[in-house]
PDB file of N, CA and C in Angstrom:
ATOM      1  N   MET A   1     -30.148 -23.071  25.813  1.00  0.00           N
ATOM      2  CA  MET A   1     -31.246 -23.482  24.946  1.00  0.00           C
ATOM      3  C   MET A   1     -31.181 -24.992  24.763  1.00  0.00           C
ATOM      4  N   SER A   2     -32.270 -25.689  25.023  1.00  0.00           N
ATOM      5  CA  SER A   2     -32.292 -27.138  24.892  1.00  0.00           C
ATOM      6  C   SER A   2     -32.391 -27.539  23.424  1.00  0.00           C
ATOM      7  N   GLU A   3     -32.194 -28.849  23.184  1.00  0.00           N
ATOM      8  CA  GLU A   3     -32.295 -29.366  21.818  1.00  0.00           C
ATOM      9  C   GLU A   3     -33.656 -29.063  21.211  1.00  0.00           C
ATOM     10  N   ARG A   4     -34.723 -29.178  22.001  1.00  0.00           N
ATOM     11  CA  ARG A   4     -36.070 -28.955  21.506  1.00  0.00           C
ATOM     12  C   ARG A   4     -36.331 -27.481  21.216  1.00  0.00           C
ATOM     13  N   GLU A   5     -35.607 -26.579  21.903  1.00  0.00           N
ATOM     14  CA  GLU A   5     -35.848 -25.161  21.751  1.00  0.00           C
ATOM     15  C   GLU A   5     -34.969 -24.515  20.683  1.00  0.00           C
ATOM     16  N   GLU A   6     -33.994 -25.265  20.161  1.00  0.00           N
ATOM     17  CA  GLU A   6     -33.106 -24.665  19.186  1.00  0.00           C
ATOM     18  C   GLU A   6     -33.887 -24.241  17.946  1.00  0.00           C
ATOM     19  N   GLN A   7     -33.444 -23.152  17.344  1.00  0.00           N
ATOM     20  CA  GLN A   7     -34.100 -22.622  16.153  1.00  0.00           C
ATOM     21  C   GLN A   7     -33.766 -23.521  14.974  1.00  0.00           C
ATOM     22  N   LEU A   8     -34.782 -24.070  14.331  1.00  0.00           N
ATOM     23  CA  LEU A   8     -34.579 -24.968  13.203  1.00  0.00           C
ATOM     24  C   LEU A   8     -34.664 -24.192  11.902  1.00  0.00           C
ATOM     25  N   GLU A   9     -33.672 -24.405  11.080  1.00  0.00           N
ATOM     26  CA  GLU A   9     -33.631 -23.767   9.771  1.00  0.00           C
ATOM     27  C   GLU A   9     -34.643 -24.454   8.862  1.00  0.00           C
ATOM     28  N   PRO A  10     -35.424 -23.692   8.116  1.00  0.00           N
ATOM     29  CA  PRO A  10     -36.408 -24.315   7.217  1.00  0.00           C
ATOM     30  C   PRO A  10     -35.723 -25.193   6.165  1.00  0.00           C
ATOM     31  N   LEU A  11     -36.430 -26.196   5.708  1.00  0.00           N
ATOM     32  CA  LEU A  11     -35.883 -27.087   4.682  1.00  0.00           C
ATOM     33  C   LEU A  11     -35.917 -26.463   3.294  1.00  0.00           C
ATOM     34  N   LEU A  12     -36.797 -25.520   3.098  1.00  0.00           N
ATOM     35  CA  LEU A  12     -36.903 -24.844   1.805  1.00  0.00           C
ATOM     36  C   LEU A  12     -36.506 -23.381   1.956  1.00  0.00           C
ATOM     37  N   ALA A  13     -35.956 -22.840   0.888  1.00  0.00           N
ATOM     38  CA  ALA A  13     -35.645 -21.412   0.872  1.00  0.00           C
ATOM     39  C   ALA A  13     -36.950 -20.621   0.980  1.00  0.00           C
ATOM     40  N   GLU A  14     -36.870 -19.441   1.519  1.00  0.00           N
ATOM     41  CA  GLU A  14     -38.066 -18.615   1.714  1.00  0.00           C
ATOM     42  C   GLU A  14     -38.806 -18.375   0.402  1.00  0.00           C
ATOM     43  N   ASP A  15     -38.065 -18.113  -0.679  1.00  0.00           N
ATOM     44  CA  ASP A  15     -38.689 -17.898  -1.995  1.00  0.00           C
ATOM     45  C   ASP A  15     -39.480 -19.127  -2.436  1.00  0.00           C
ATOM     46  N   ASP A  16     -38.888 -20.305  -2.240  1.00  0.00           N
ATOM     47  CA  ASP A  16     -39.566 -21.539  -2.625  1.00  0.00           C
ATOM     48  C   ASP A  16     -40.831 -21.739  -1.796  1.00  0.00           C
ATOM     49  N   THR A  17     -40.717 -21.480  -0.494  1.00  0.00           N
ATOM     50  CA  THR A  17     -41.865 -21.631   0.391  1.00  0.00           C
ATOM     51  C   THR A  17     -42.996 -20.709  -0.049  1.00  0.00           C
ATOM     52  N   GLU A  18     -42.671 -19.469  -0.331  1.00  0.00           N
ATOM     53  CA  GLU A  18     -43.693 -18.513  -0.758  1.00  0.00           C
ATOM     54  C   GLU A  18     -44.304 -18.915  -2.090  1.00  0.00           C
ATOM     55  N   GLN A  19     -43.493 -19.449  -2.978  1.00  0.00           N
ATOM     56  CA  GLN A  19     -44.023 -19.899  -4.269  1.00  0.00           C
ATOM     57  C   GLN A  19     -45.009 -21.050  -4.073  1.00  0.00           C
ATOM     58  N   PHE A  20     -44.641 -22.018  -3.234  1.00  0.00           N
ATOM     59  CA  PHE A  20     -45.550 -23.131  -2.968  1.00  0.00           C
ATOM     60  C   PHE A  20     -46.833 -22.632  -2.308  1.00  0.00           C
ATOM     61  N   ARG A  21     -46.721 -21.716  -1.355  1.00  0.00           N
ATOM     62  CA  ARG A  21     -47.914 -21.178  -0.684  1.00  0.00           C
ATOM     63  C   ARG A  21     -48.811 -20.428  -1.679  1.00  0.00           C
ATOM     64  N   GLY A  22     -48.196 -19.667  -2.576  1.00  0.00           N
ATOM     65  CA  GLY A  22     -48.966 -18.930  -3.583  1.00  0.00           C
ATOM     66  C   GLY A  22     -49.713 -19.868  -4.516  1.00  0.00           C
ATOM     67  N   ARG A  23     -49.045 -20.922  -4.916  1.00  0.00           N
ATOM     68  CA  ARG A  23     -49.701 -21.906  -5.788  1.00  0.00           C
ATOM     69  C   ARG A  23     -50.851 -22.589  -5.047  1.00  0.00           C
ATOM     70  N   TRP A  24     -50.643 -22.877  -3.750  1.00  0.00           N
ATOM     71  CA  TRP A  24     -51.711 -23.505  -2.967  1.00  0.00           C
ATOM     72  C   TRP A  24     -52.926 -22.574  -2.865  1.00  0.00           C
ATOM     73  N   GLN A  25     -52.672 -21.298  -2.620  1.00  0.00           N
ATOM     74  CA  GLN A  25     -53.766 -20.318  -2.537  1.00  0.00           C
ATOM     75  C   GLN A  25     -54.561 -20.296  -3.828  1.00  0.00           C
ATOM     76  N   SER A  26     -53.867 -20.341  -4.936  1.00  0.00           N
ATOM     77  CA  SER A  26     -54.530 -20.339  -6.245  1.00  0.00           C
ATOM     78  C   SER A  26     -55.395 -21.581  -6.420  1.00  0.00           C
ATOM     79  N   ILE A  27     -54.879 -22.722  -5.999  1.00  0.00           N
ATOM     80  CA  ILE A  27     -55.639 -23.972  -6.088  1.00  0.00           C
ATOM     81  C   ILE A  27     -56.910 -23.877  -5.253  1.00  0.00           C
ATOM     82  N   GLN A  28     -56.787 -23.366  -4.039  1.00  0.00           N
ATOM     83  CA  GLN A  28     -57.957 -23.239  -3.173  1.00  0.00           C
ATOM     84  C   GLN A  28     -58.988 -22.276  -3.753  1.00  0.00           C
ATOM     85  N   THR A  29     -58.514 -21.177  -4.312  1.00  0.00           N
ATOM     86  CA  THR A  29     -59.416 -20.186  -4.896  1.00  0.00           C
ATOM     87  C   THR A  29     -60.184 -20.775  -6.072  1.00  0.00           C
ATOM     88  N   ASP A  30     -59.517 -21.589  -6.866  1.00  0.00           N
ATOM     89  CA  ASP A  30     -60.143 -22.172  -8.055  1.00  0.00           C
ATOM     90  C   ASP A  30     -61.084 -23.332  -7.738  1.00  0.00           C
ATOM     91  N   PHE A  31     -61.056 -23.829  -6.505  1.00  0.00           N
ATOM     92  CA  PHE A  31     -61.854 -25.004  -6.151  1.00  0.00           C
ATOM     93  C   PHE A  31     -63.349 -24.805  -6.409  1.00  0.00           C
ATOM     94  N   VAL A  32     -63.851 -23.634  -6.099  1.00  0.00           N
ATOM     95  CA  VAL A  32     -65.294 -23.378  -6.247  1.00  0.00           C
ATOM     96  C   VAL A  32     -65.738 -23.602  -7.692  1.00  0.00           C
ATOM     97  N   ASP A  33     -64.951 -23.122  -8.648  1.00  0.00           N
ATOM     98  CA  ASP A  33     -65.321 -23.238 -10.059  1.00  0.00           C
ATOM     99  C   ASP A  33     -64.900 -24.568 -10.685  1.00  0.00           C
ATOM    100  N   GLU A  34     -63.782 -25.125 -10.217  1.00  0.00           N
ATOM    101  CA  GLU A  34     -63.266 -26.357 -10.818  1.00  0.00           C
ATOM    102  C   GLU A  34     -62.711 -27.294  -9.744  1.00  0.00           C
ATOM    103  N   PRO A  35     -63.605 -27.944  -8.985  1.00  0.00           N
ATOM    104  CA  PRO A  35     -63.147 -28.776  -7.867  1.00  0.00           C
ATOM    105  C   PRO A  35     -62.272 -29.968  -8.288  1.00  0.00           C
ATOM    106  N   GLU A  36     -62.630 -30.658  -9.342  1.00  0.00           N
ATOM    107  CA  GLU A  36     -61.818 -31.809  -9.781  1.00  0.00           C
ATOM    108  C   GLU A  36     -60.424 -31.370 -10.185  1.00  0.00           C
ATOM    109  N   ARG A  37     -60.365 -30.314 -10.959  1.00  0.00           N
ATOM    110  CA  ARG A  37     -59.075 -29.789 -11.410  1.00  0.00           C
ATOM    111  C   ARG A  37     -58.234 -29.324 -10.214  1.00  0.00           C
ATOM    112  N   SER A  38     -58.881 -28.710  -9.245  1.00  0.00           N
ATOM    113  CA  SER A  38     -58.163 -28.232  -8.058  1.00  0.00           C
ATOM    114  C   SER A  38     -57.551 -29.386  -7.272  1.00  0.00           C
ATOM    115  N   VAL A  39     -58.303 -30.468  -7.138  1.00  0.00           N
ATOM    116  CA  VAL A  39     -57.775 -31.634  -6.416  1.00  0.00           C
ATOM    117  C   VAL A  39     -56.600 -32.237  -7.183  1.00  0.00           C
ATOM    118  N   GLN A  40     -56.708 -32.289  -8.485  1.00  0.00           N
ATOM    119  CA  GLN A  40     -55.603 -32.802  -9.306  1.00  0.00           C
ATOM    120  C   GLN A  40     -54.365 -31.905  -9.145  1.00  0.00           C
ATOM    121  N   GLN A  41     -54.569 -30.602  -9.178  1.00  0.00           N
ATOM    122  CA  GLN A  41     -53.453 -29.670  -9.010  1.00  0.00           C
ATOM    123  C   GLN A  41     -52.853 -29.770  -7.602  1.00  0.00           C
ATOM    124  N   ALA A  42     -53.705 -29.985  -6.602  1.00  0.00           N
ATOM    125  CA  ALA A  42     -53.208 -30.144  -5.233  1.00  0.00           C
ATOM    126  C   ALA A  42     -52.314 -31.373  -5.141  1.00  0.00           C
ATOM    127  N   ASP A  43     -52.739 -32.458  -5.764  1.00  0.00           N
ATOM    128  CA  ASP A  43     -51.934 -33.679  -5.786  1.00  0.00           C
ATOM    129  C   ASP A  43     -50.584 -33.420  -6.446  1.00  0.00           C
ATOM    130  N   GLU A  44     -50.602 -32.733  -7.576  1.00  0.00           N
ATOM    131  CA  GLU A  44     -49.365 -32.421  -8.295  1.00  0.00           C
ATOM    132  C   GLU A  44     -48.456 -31.517  -7.465  1.00  0.00           C
ATOM    133  N   LEU A  45     -49.042 -30.551  -6.788  1.00  0.00           N
ATOM    134  CA  LEU A  45     -48.251 -29.624  -5.977  1.00  0.00           C
ATOM    135  C   LEU A  45     -47.592 -30.345  -4.798  1.00  0.00           C
ATOM    136  N   VAL A  46     -48.350 -31.201  -4.130  1.00  0.00           N
ATOM    137  CA  VAL A  46     -47.786 -31.961  -3.007  1.00  0.00           C
ATOM    138  C   VAL A  46     -46.672 -32.883  -3.513  1.00  0.00           C
ATOM    139  N   THR A  47     -46.872 -33.493  -4.664  1.00  0.00           N
ATOM    140  CA  THR A  47     -45.841 -34.342  -5.262  1.00  0.00           C
ATOM    141  C   THR A  47     -44.574 -33.532  -5.534  1.00  0.00           C
ATOM    142  N   GLN A  48     -44.725 -32.341  -6.093  1.00  0.00           N
ATOM    143  CA  GLN A  48     -43.565 -31.485  -6.375  1.00  0.00           C
ATOM    144  C   GLN A  48     -42.855 -31.075  -5.092  1.00  0.00           C
ATOM    145  N   LEU A  49     -43.623 -30.761  -4.068  1.00  0.00           N
ATOM    146  CA  LEU A  49     -43.038 -30.387  -2.782  1.00  0.00           C
ATOM    147  C   LEU A  49     -42.242 -31.553  -2.200  1.00  0.00           C
ATOM    148  N   MET A  50     -42.802 -32.741  -2.243  1.00  0.00           N
ATOM    149  CA  MET A  50     -42.097 -33.917  -1.728  1.00  0.00           C
ATOM    150  C   MET A  50     -40.818 -34.181  -2.525  1.00  0.00           C
ATOM    151  N   GLN A  51     -40.871 -33.981  -3.822  1.00  0.00           N
ATOM    152  CA  GLN A  51     -39.673 -34.160  -4.646  1.00  0.00           C
ATOM    153  C   GLN A  51     -38.601 -33.145  -4.269  1.00  0.00           C
ATOM    154  N   GLN A  52     -39.014 -31.916  -4.022  1.00  0.00           N
ATOM    155  CA  GLN A  52     -38.052 -30.891  -3.639  1.00  0.00           C
ATOM    156  C   GLN A  52     -37.442 -31.212  -2.269  1.00  0.00           C
ATOM    157  N   LEU A  53     -38.259 -31.684  -1.339  1.00  0.00           N
ATOM    158  CA  LEU A  53     -37.741 -32.077  -0.030  1.00  0.00           C
ATOM    159  C   LEU A  53     -36.777 -33.257  -0.154  1.00  0.00           C
ATOM    160  N   THR A  54     -37.081 -34.183  -1.055  1.00  0.00           N
ATOM    161  CA  THR A  54     -36.188 -35.316  -1.301  1.00  0.00           C
ATOM    162  C   THR A  54     -34.852 -34.832  -1.842  1.00  0.00           C
ATOM    163  N   GLN A  55     -34.877 -33.886  -2.756  1.00  0.00           N
ATOM    164  CA  GLN A  55     -33.638 -33.331  -3.294  1.00  0.00           C
ATOM    165  C   GLN A  55     -32.835 -32.632  -2.202  1.00  0.00           C
ATOM    166  N   THR A  56     -33.527 -31.912  -1.342  1.00  0.00           N
ATOM    167  CA  THR A  56     -32.856 -31.239  -0.230  1.00  0.00           C
ATOM    168  C   THR A  56     -32.176 -32.264   0.673  1.00  0.00           C
ATOM    169  N   PHE A  57     -32.885 -33.340   0.984  1.00  0.00           N
ATOM    170  CA  PHE A  57     -32.317 -34.401   1.811  1.00  0.00           C
ATOM    171  C   PHE A  57     -31.093 -35.012   1.142  1.00  0.00           C
ATOM    172  N   GLN A  58     -31.186 -35.303  -0.143  1.00  0.00           N
ATOM    173  CA  GLN A  58     -30.071 -35.914  -0.861  1.00  0.00           C
ATOM    174  C   GLN A  58     -28.846 -34.998  -0.865  1.00  0.00           C
ATOM    175  N   GLN A  59     -29.062 -33.698  -1.043  1.00  0.00           N
ATOM    176  CA  GLN A  59     -27.944 -32.751  -1.012  1.00  0.00           C
ATOM    177  C   GLN A  59     -27.294 -32.697   0.366  1.00  0.00           C
ATOM    178  N   GLU A  60     -28.123 -32.671   1.399  1.00  0.00           N
ATOM    179  CA  GLU A  60     -27.612 -32.644   2.766  1.00  0.00           C
ATOM    180  C   GLU A  60     -26.836 -33.920   3.070  1.00  0.00           C
ATOM    181  N   ARG A  61     -27.373 -35.024   2.650  1.00  0.00           N
ATOM    182  CA  ARG A  61     -26.714 -36.310   2.883  1.00  0.00           C
ATOM    183  C   ARG A  61     -25.382 -36.385   2.161  1.00  0.00           C
ATOM    184  N   ARG A  62     -25.337 -35.966   0.902  1.00  0.00           N
ATOM    185  CA  ARG A  62     -24.070 -35.955   0.154  1.00  0.00           C
ATOM    186  C   ARG A  62     -23.041 -35.078   0.851  1.00  0.00           C
ATOM    187  N   SER A  63     -23.494 -33.944   1.352  1.00  0.00           N
ATOM    188  CA  SER A  63     -22.591 -33.030   2.050  1.00  0.00           C
ATOM    189  C   SER A  63     -21.999 -33.689   3.291  1.00  0.00           C
ATOM    190  N   LEU A  64     -22.845 -34.350   4.057  1.00  0.00           N
ATOM    191  CA  LEU A  64     -22.375 -35.018   5.275  1.00  0.00           C
ATOM    192  C   LEU A  64     -21.453 -36.189   4.937  1.00  0.00           C
ATOM    193  N   GLU A  65     -21.825 -36.973   3.957  1.00  0.00           N
ATOM    194  CA  GLU A  65     -21.018 -38.139   3.594  1.00  0.00           C
ATOM    195  C   GLU A  65     -19.671 -37.746   2.997  1.00  0.00           C
ATOM    196  N   SER A  66     -19.640 -36.669   2.249  1.00  0.00           N
ATOM    197  CA  SER A  66     -18.391 -36.267   1.598  1.00  0.00           C
ATOM    198  C   SER A  66     -17.315 -35.901   2.614  1.00  0.00           C
ATOM    199  N   GLN A  67     -17.719 -35.447   3.775  1.00  0.00           N
ATOM    200  CA  GLN A  67     -16.756 -35.109   4.818  1.00  0.00           C
ATOM    201  C   GLN A  67     -15.956 -36.336   5.249  1.00  0.00           C
ATOM    202  N   PHE A  68     -16.577 -37.497   5.230  1.00  0.00           N
ATOM    203  CA  PHE A  68     -15.936 -38.699   5.746  1.00  0.00           C
ATOM    204  C   PHE A  68     -15.261 -39.530   4.669  1.00  0.00           C
ATOM    205  N   LYS A  69     -15.706 -39.423   3.466  1.00  0.00           N
ATOM    206  CA  LYS A  69     -15.104 -40.199   2.382  1.00  0.00           C
ATOM    207  C   LYS A  69     -13.693 -39.735   2.069  1.00  0.00           C
ATOM    208  N   GLU A  70     -13.406 -38.487   2.370  1.00  0.00           N
ATOM    209  CA  GLU A  70     -12.095 -37.910   2.073  1.00  0.00           C
ATOM    210  C   GLU A  70     -11.055 -38.284   3.124  1.00  0.00           C
ATOM    211  N   GLN A  71     -11.464 -38.889   4.223  1.00  0.00           N
ATOM    212  CA  GLN A  71     -10.553 -39.178   5.325  1.00  0.00           C
ATOM    213  C   GLN A  71     -10.492 -40.678   5.581  1.00  0.00           C
ATOM    214  N   ASP A  72      -9.296 -41.155   5.969  1.00  0.00           N
ATOM    215  CA  ASP A  72      -9.155 -42.556   6.349  1.00  0.00           C
ATOM    216  C   ASP A  72      -9.677 -42.795   7.751  1.00  0.00           C
ATOM    217  N   GLU A  73      -9.333 -41.903   8.671  1.00  0.00           N
ATOM    218  CA  GLU A  73      -9.805 -42.012  10.049  1.00  0.00           C
ATOM    219  C   GLU A  73     -10.598 -40.768  10.405  1.00  0.00           C
ATOM    220  N   VAL A  74     -11.676 -40.986  11.087  1.00  0.00           N
ATOM    221  CA  VAL A  74     -12.544 -39.886  11.480  1.00  0.00           C
ATOM    222  C   VAL A  74     -12.532 -39.816  12.999  1.00  0.00           C
ATOM    223  N   SER A  75     -12.297 -38.633  13.517  1.00  0.00           N
ATOM    224  CA  SER A  75     -12.234 -38.472  14.966  1.00  0.00           C
ATOM    225  C   SER A  75     -13.629 -38.520  15.585  1.00  0.00           C
ATOM    226  N   THR A  76     -13.652 -38.804  16.862  1.00  0.00           N
ATOM    227  CA  THR A  76     -14.918 -38.818  17.595  1.00  0.00           C
ATOM    228  C   THR A  76     -15.573 -37.447  17.538  1.00  0.00           C
ATOM    229  N   GLU A  77     -14.784 -36.404  17.589  1.00  0.00           N
ATOM    230  CA  GLU A  77     -15.329 -35.044  17.526  1.00  0.00           C
ATOM    231  C   GLU A  77     -16.002 -34.807  16.180  1.00  0.00           C
ATOM    232  N   GLU A  78     -15.388 -35.250  15.100  1.00  0.00           N
ATOM    233  CA  GLU A  78     -15.994 -35.086  13.779  1.00  0.00           C
ATOM    234  C   GLU A  78     -17.298 -35.887  13.676  1.00  0.00           C
ATOM    235  N   LEU A  79     -17.319 -37.059  14.272  1.00  0.00           N
ATOM    236  CA  LEU A  79     -18.533 -37.867  14.281  1.00  0.00           C
ATOM    237  C   LEU A  79     -19.620 -37.208  15.125  1.00  0.00           C
ATOM    238  N   ARG A  80     -19.222 -36.581  16.243  1.00  0.00           N
ATOM    239  CA  ARG A  80     -20.178 -35.874  17.095  1.00  0.00           C
ATOM    240  C   ARG A  80     -20.822 -34.728  16.322  1.00  0.00           C
ATOM    241  N   VAL A  81     -20.012 -33.977  15.598  1.00  0.00           N
ATOM    242  CA  VAL A  81     -20.527 -32.860  14.794  1.00  0.00           C
ATOM    243  C   VAL A  81     -21.449 -33.378  13.696  1.00  0.00           C
ATOM    244  N   ALA A  82     -21.073 -34.480  13.067  1.00  0.00           N
ATOM    245  CA  ALA A  82     -21.920 -35.063  12.020  1.00  0.00           C
ATOM    246  C   ALA A  82     -23.259 -35.510  12.599  1.00  0.00           C
ATOM    247  N   LEU A  83     -23.220 -36.133  13.775  1.00  0.00           N
ATOM    248  CA  LEU A  83     -24.458 -36.567  14.399  1.00  0.00           C
ATOM    249  C   LEU A  83     -25.343 -35.372  14.746  1.00  0.00           C
ATOM    250  N   GLN A  84     -24.736 -34.291  15.182  1.00  0.00           N
ATOM    251  CA  GLN A  84     -25.503 -33.076  15.467  1.00  0.00           C
ATOM    252  C   GLN A  84     -26.160 -32.546  14.194  1.00  0.00           C
ATOM    253  N   ARG A  85     -25.443 -32.580  13.079  1.00  0.00           N
ATOM    254  CA  ARG A  85     -26.015 -32.112  11.810  1.00  0.00           C
ATOM    255  C   ARG A  85     -27.168 -33.010  11.380  1.00  0.00           C
ATOM    256  N   TYR A  86     -27.005 -34.321  11.534  1.00  0.00           N
ATOM    257  CA  TYR A  86     -28.100 -35.236  11.216  1.00  0.00           C
ATOM    258  C   TYR A  86     -29.291 -34.977  12.130  1.00  0.00           C
ATOM    259  N   ARG A  87     -29.027 -34.758  13.419  1.00  0.00           N
ATOM    260  CA  ARG A  87     -30.123 -34.483  14.366  1.00  0.00           C
ATOM    261  C   ARG A  87     -30.858 -33.220  13.956  1.00  0.00           C
ATOM    262  N   SER A  88     -30.105 -32.188  13.594  1.00  0.00           N
ATOM    263  CA  SER A  88     -30.718 -30.948  13.165  1.00  0.00           C
ATOM    264  C   SER A  88     -31.590 -31.161  11.931  1.00  0.00           C
ATOM    265  N   PHE A  89     -31.064 -31.904  10.968  1.00  0.00           N
ATOM    266  CA  PHE A  89     -31.839 -32.169   9.758  1.00  0.00           C
ATOM    267  C   PHE A  89     -33.062 -33.008  10.080  1.00  0.00           C
ATOM    268  N   PHE A  90     -32.914 -33.984  10.947  1.00  0.00           N
ATOM    269  CA  PHE A  90     -34.027 -34.831  11.383  1.00  0.00           C
ATOM    270  C   PHE A  90     -35.121 -33.979  12.039  1.00  0.00           C
ATOM    271  N   GLU A  91     -34.734 -33.083  12.909  1.00  0.00           N
ATOM    272  CA  GLU A  91     -35.700 -32.202  13.578  1.00  0.00           C
ATOM    273  C   GLU A  91     -36.386 -31.282  12.580  1.00  0.00           C
ATOM    274  N   ARG A  92     -35.634 -30.819  11.587  1.00  0.00           N
ATOM    275  CA  ARG A  92     -36.230 -29.969  10.556  1.00  0.00           C
ATOM    276  C   ARG A  92     -37.266 -30.751   9.767  1.00  0.00           C
ATOM    277  N   LEU A  93     -36.991 -32.025   9.473  1.00  0.00           N
ATOM    278  CA  LEU A  93     -37.968 -32.845   8.771  1.00  0.00           C
ATOM    279  C   LEU A  93     -39.227 -33.028   9.611  1.00  0.00           C
ATOM    280  N   LEU A  94     -39.066 -33.273  10.888  1.00  0.00           N
ATOM    281  CA  LEU A  94     -40.218 -33.458  11.766  1.00  0.00           C
ATOM    282  C   LEU A  94     -41.028 -32.173  11.933  1.00  0.00           C
ATOM    283  N   ALA A  95     -40.356 -31.046  11.805  1.00  0.00           N
ATOM    284  CA  ALA A  95     -41.026 -29.755  12.001  1.00  0.00           C
ATOM    285  C   ALA A  95     -41.858 -29.348  10.797  1.00  0.00           C
ATOM    286  N   THR A  96     -41.710 -30.038   9.683  1.00  0.00           N
ATOM    287  CA  THR A  96     -42.451 -29.658   8.480  1.00  0.00           C
ATOM    288  C   THR A  96     -43.848 -30.205   8.491  1.00  0.00           C
TER     289      THR A  96
END
């Protein structure tokens, strides 16, 4: 399996994804009766989603960085694994 074909893990938990999708559906449904309010809610929802993605990134980054802060010397193999994890996270971000 090539790098492009590897299965990418979603950035959000399935429950979170479904919650965001449900809220989006509600916003779209309400648009007919309250278009201004729906656009405002859409803006708020996208903002919340971006904040959650930012938190996910920060957690992933802390996890990766903590591996190296505990060691004086880091082997090439450990750096290779870290780069693979960053690549995976990078691809997951692009896939969203």
